[in-house]
N, C-alpha and C. Protein backbone atom coordinates (compact mmCIF):
# COMPACT_ATOMS: atom_id res chain seq x y z
N UNK A 1 1.49 5.39 2.26
CA UNK A 1 1.04 5.06 0.89
C UNK A 1 0.01 6.24 0.62
N UNK A 2 0.15 6.96 -0.42
CA UNK A 2 -0.60 8.11 -0.64
C UNK A 2 -1.24 7.92 -2.17
N UNK A 3 -2.37 8.10 -2.27
CA UNK A 3 -2.95 8.05 -3.70
C UNK A 3 -4.27 9.07 -3.78
N UNK A 4 -4.74 9.17 -5.01
CA UNK A 4 -5.73 10.05 -5.25
C UNK A 4 -6.88 9.45 -6.06
N UNK A 5 -7.89 10.03 -6.06
CA UNK A 5 -9.08 9.58 -6.99
C UNK A 5 -8.64 9.89 -8.43
N UNK A 6 -9.54 9.42 -9.30
CA UNK A 6 -9.13 9.67 -10.85
C UNK A 6 -9.11 11.05 -11.28
N UNK A 7 -9.76 11.95 -10.55
CA UNK A 7 -9.94 13.38 -10.90
C UNK A 7 -8.92 14.14 -10.06
N UNK A 8 -8.13 13.48 -9.23
CA UNK A 8 -7.04 14.29 -8.37
C UNK A 8 -7.74 15.31 -7.38
N UNK A 9 -8.96 15.00 -6.96
CA UNK A 9 -9.61 15.97 -5.99
C UNK A 9 -9.60 15.46 -4.65
N UNK A 10 -9.24 14.30 -4.47
CA UNK A 10 -9.14 13.65 -3.01
C UNK A 10 -7.90 12.96 -2.95
N UNK A 11 -7.16 13.11 -1.82
CA UNK A 11 -5.84 12.35 -1.61
C UNK A 11 -6.02 11.74 -0.33
N UNK A 12 -5.67 10.30 -0.32
CA UNK A 12 -5.76 9.58 0.89
C UNK A 12 -4.44 8.95 1.16
N UNK A 13 -4.11 8.88 2.44
CA UNK A 13 -2.80 8.45 2.88
C UNK A 13 -3.10 7.38 3.91
N UNK A 14 -2.48 6.21 3.76
CA UNK A 14 -2.61 5.16 4.80
C UNK A 14 -1.19 4.73 5.16
N UNK A 15 -1.04 4.08 6.28
CA UNK A 15 0.12 3.60 6.84
C UNK A 15 0.42 2.06 6.46
N UNK A 16 1.37 1.51 6.88
CA UNK A 16 1.80 0.06 6.50
C UNK A 16 0.68 -0.88 7.13
N UNK A 17 -0.15 -0.43 8.05
CA UNK A 17 -1.09 -1.30 8.57
C UNK A 17 -2.52 -1.00 7.86
N UNK A 18 -2.35 -0.31 6.80
CA UNK A 18 -3.50 0.15 5.94
C UNK A 18 -4.53 0.81 6.77
N UNK A 19 -4.11 1.61 7.76
CA UNK A 19 -5.06 2.61 8.41
C UNK A 19 -4.92 3.97 7.87
N UNK A 20 -6.11 4.64 7.71
CA UNK A 20 -6.06 5.98 7.12
C UNK A 20 -5.39 6.92 8.10
N UNK A 21 -4.36 7.63 7.59
CA UNK A 21 -3.70 8.64 8.38
C UNK A 21 -3.76 10.18 7.90
N UNK A 22 -4.33 10.21 6.58
CA UNK A 22 -4.54 11.48 5.99
C UNK A 22 -5.52 11.57 5.04
N UNK A 23 -6.26 12.57 4.92
CA UNK A 23 -7.29 12.73 3.88
C UNK A 23 -7.40 14.31 3.57
N UNK A 24 -7.21 14.51 2.30
CA UNK A 24 -7.29 15.90 1.77
C UNK A 24 -8.30 16.03 0.61
N UNK A 25 -9.29 16.84 0.77
CA UNK A 25 -10.41 17.08 -0.18
C UNK A 25 -10.22 18.49 -0.72
N UNK A 26 -10.05 18.51 -2.02
CA UNK A 26 -9.90 19.89 -2.63
C UNK A 26 -11.02 20.77 -2.38
N UNK A 27 -10.64 22.00 -2.21
CA UNK A 27 -11.62 23.01 -1.92
C UNK A 27 -12.65 23.15 -3.04
N UNK A 28 -13.89 23.18 -2.66
CA UNK A 28 -15.03 23.29 -3.58
C UNK A 28 -15.75 21.92 -3.81
N UNK A 29 -14.96 20.81 -3.42
CA UNK A 29 -15.61 19.62 -3.75
C UNK A 29 -16.82 19.20 -3.04
N UNK A 30 -17.06 19.93 -1.87
CA UNK A 30 -18.30 19.54 -1.18
C UNK A 30 -19.56 20.04 -1.88
N UNK A 31 -19.36 20.99 -2.80
CA UNK A 31 -20.52 21.46 -3.63
C UNK A 31 -21.02 20.46 -4.60
N UNK A 32 -20.24 19.39 -4.83
CA UNK A 32 -20.66 18.35 -5.71
C UNK A 32 -21.58 17.27 -5.02
N UNK A 33 -21.86 17.38 -3.82
CA UNK A 33 -22.68 16.60 -3.00
C UNK A 33 -22.10 15.48 -2.42
N UNK A 34 -22.69 15.11 -1.26
CA UNK A 34 -22.02 13.95 -0.39
C UNK A 34 -21.74 12.80 -1.19
N UNK A 35 -22.66 12.34 -2.01
CA UNK A 35 -22.53 11.00 -2.74
C UNK A 35 -21.15 10.99 -3.66
N UNK A 36 -21.00 12.04 -4.39
CA UNK A 36 -19.89 12.32 -5.16
C UNK A 36 -18.64 12.22 -4.33
N UNK A 37 -18.67 13.13 -3.30
CA UNK A 37 -17.39 13.21 -2.33
C UNK A 37 -17.23 11.75 -1.76
N UNK A 38 -18.27 11.14 -1.38
CA UNK A 38 -18.01 9.72 -0.80
C UNK A 38 -17.37 8.72 -1.79
N UNK A 39 -17.80 8.81 -3.03
CA UNK A 39 -17.17 7.86 -3.99
C UNK A 39 -15.85 8.34 -4.29
N UNK A 40 -15.40 9.60 -4.22
CA UNK A 40 -14.03 10.03 -4.59
C UNK A 40 -13.14 9.61 -3.41
N UNK A 41 -13.74 9.80 -2.16
CA UNK A 41 -12.90 9.26 -1.04
C UNK A 41 -12.66 7.74 -1.06
N UNK A 42 -13.65 7.09 -1.25
CA UNK A 42 -13.54 5.69 -1.35
C UNK A 42 -12.49 5.22 -2.48
N UNK A 43 -12.60 5.90 -3.65
CA UNK A 43 -11.59 5.51 -4.60
C UNK A 43 -10.29 5.89 -4.34
N UNK A 44 -10.00 7.10 -3.69
CA UNK A 44 -8.65 7.35 -3.28
C UNK A 44 -8.12 6.49 -2.25
N UNK A 45 -8.86 6.10 -1.33
CA UNK A 45 -8.58 5.04 -0.18
C UNK A 45 -8.24 3.64 -0.93
N UNK A 46 -9.06 3.21 -1.77
CA UNK A 46 -8.94 2.01 -2.56
C UNK A 46 -7.56 2.11 -3.32
N UNK A 47 -7.32 3.20 -3.95
CA UNK A 47 -5.99 3.24 -4.67
C UNK A 47 -4.87 3.17 -3.77
N UNK A 48 -4.91 3.89 -2.61
CA UNK A 48 -3.69 3.78 -1.63
C UNK A 48 -3.56 2.40 -1.16
N UNK A 49 -4.72 1.64 -0.89
CA UNK A 49 -4.65 0.31 -0.40
C UNK A 49 -4.04 -0.56 -1.41
N UNK A 50 -4.38 -0.42 -2.71
CA UNK A 50 -3.76 -1.16 -3.70
C UNK A 50 -2.19 -0.92 -3.83
N UNK A 51 -1.80 0.28 -3.63
CA UNK A 51 -0.36 0.61 -3.64
C UNK A 51 0.30 -0.26 -2.55
N UNK A 52 -0.25 -0.08 -1.19
CA UNK A 52 0.24 -0.81 -0.11
C UNK A 52 0.22 -2.19 -0.40
N UNK A 53 -0.61 -2.90 -0.90
CA UNK A 53 -0.74 -4.20 -1.23
C UNK A 53 0.40 -4.73 -2.15
N UNK A 54 0.63 -3.93 -3.10
CA UNK A 54 1.76 -4.18 -4.03
C UNK A 54 3.09 -4.10 -3.51
N UNK A 55 3.23 -3.04 -2.79
CA UNK A 55 4.63 -2.73 -2.05
C UNK A 55 4.88 -3.87 -1.01
N UNK A 56 3.85 -4.22 -0.09
CA UNK A 56 4.05 -5.18 0.91
C UNK A 56 4.33 -6.61 0.25
N UNK A 57 3.58 -6.93 -0.72
CA UNK A 57 3.91 -8.15 -1.48
C UNK A 57 5.35 -8.24 -2.01
N UNK A 58 5.89 -7.13 -2.55
CA UNK A 58 7.14 -7.04 -3.09
C UNK A 58 8.19 -7.15 -1.90
N UNK A 59 7.95 -6.60 -0.87
CA UNK A 59 8.90 -6.67 0.34
C UNK A 59 8.79 -8.07 0.87
N UNK A 60 7.67 -8.80 0.97
CA UNK A 60 7.64 -10.09 1.30
C UNK A 60 8.37 -11.06 0.48
N UNK A 61 8.24 -10.80 -0.82
CA UNK A 61 9.10 -11.58 -1.71
C UNK A 61 10.63 -11.46 -1.50
N UNK A 62 11.12 -10.38 -1.25
CA UNK A 62 12.35 -10.02 -0.96
C UNK A 62 12.88 -10.77 0.28
N UNK A 63 12.04 -10.72 1.28
CA UNK A 63 12.36 -11.28 2.56
C UNK A 63 12.43 -12.74 2.41
N UNK A 64 11.52 -13.52 1.62
CA UNK A 64 11.55 -14.85 1.41
C UNK A 64 12.88 -15.34 0.74
N UNK A 65 13.25 -14.41 -0.24
CA UNK A 65 14.39 -14.76 -1.14
C UNK A 65 15.74 -14.60 -0.07
N UNK A 66 15.64 -13.72 0.73
CA UNK A 66 16.77 -13.47 1.73
C UNK A 66 16.78 -14.69 2.68
N UNK A 67 15.59 -15.13 3.15
CA UNK A 67 15.57 -16.34 4.05
C UNK A 67 16.07 -17.59 3.33
N UNK A 68 15.75 -17.78 2.14
CA UNK A 68 16.16 -18.86 1.43
C UNK A 68 17.72 -18.85 1.19
N UNK A 69 18.22 -17.64 1.03
CA UNK A 69 19.65 -17.52 0.85
C UNK A 69 20.44 -17.87 2.15
N UNK A 70 19.90 -17.27 3.19
CA UNK A 70 20.55 -17.51 4.56
C UNK A 70 20.50 -18.97 5.02
N UNK A 71 19.37 -19.54 4.83
CA UNK A 71 19.09 -20.88 5.13
C UNK A 71 20.13 -21.76 4.30
N UNK A 72 20.27 -21.67 2.87
CA UNK A 72 21.28 -22.36 2.11
C UNK A 72 22.65 -22.05 2.65
N UNK A 73 22.99 -20.91 2.93
CA UNK A 73 24.39 -20.66 3.49
C UNK A 73 24.69 -21.33 4.86
N UNK A 74 23.65 -21.38 5.74
CA UNK A 74 23.79 -22.00 7.00
C UNK A 74 23.91 -23.57 6.83
N UNK A 75 23.04 -24.19 5.97
CA UNK A 75 23.26 -25.43 5.61
C UNK A 75 24.48 -25.86 5.10
N UNK A 76 25.05 -25.01 4.21
CA UNK A 76 26.28 -25.27 3.56
C UNK A 76 27.44 -25.24 4.67
N UNK A 77 27.35 -24.31 5.55
CA UNK A 77 28.35 -24.18 6.51
C UNK A 77 28.36 -25.33 7.58
N UNK A 78 27.29 -26.17 7.64
CA UNK A 78 27.40 -27.34 8.58
C UNK A 78 27.49 -28.42 7.77
N UNK A 79 27.62 -28.47 6.40
CA UNK A 79 27.85 -29.59 5.69
C UNK A 79 26.57 -30.27 5.21
N UNK A 80 25.48 -29.53 5.22
CA UNK A 80 24.28 -30.17 4.62
C UNK A 80 23.93 -29.69 3.32
N UNK A 81 23.26 -30.46 2.46
CA UNK A 81 22.91 -29.87 1.16
C UNK A 81 21.31 -29.98 1.06
N UNK A 82 20.84 -28.83 0.45
CA UNK A 82 19.34 -28.78 0.32
C UNK A 82 18.84 -29.04 -1.01
């Protein structure tokens, strides 16, 4: 999952375990000072984590729906009703 800060000056990439796997800081950003760069890094990471959370929640819902369908089909095949 990859996201940027609001100003598109920092790009952060995290994996499915929400671990940081990549970070790109635009050239010249360090001149703005450590505090500004820190805020933008944190913003980019936070945005990537939000994307991951949304995507993972969607996948979990799909998996639950599939499990419900499989369970219903199994129950029907052995003559049970749910």
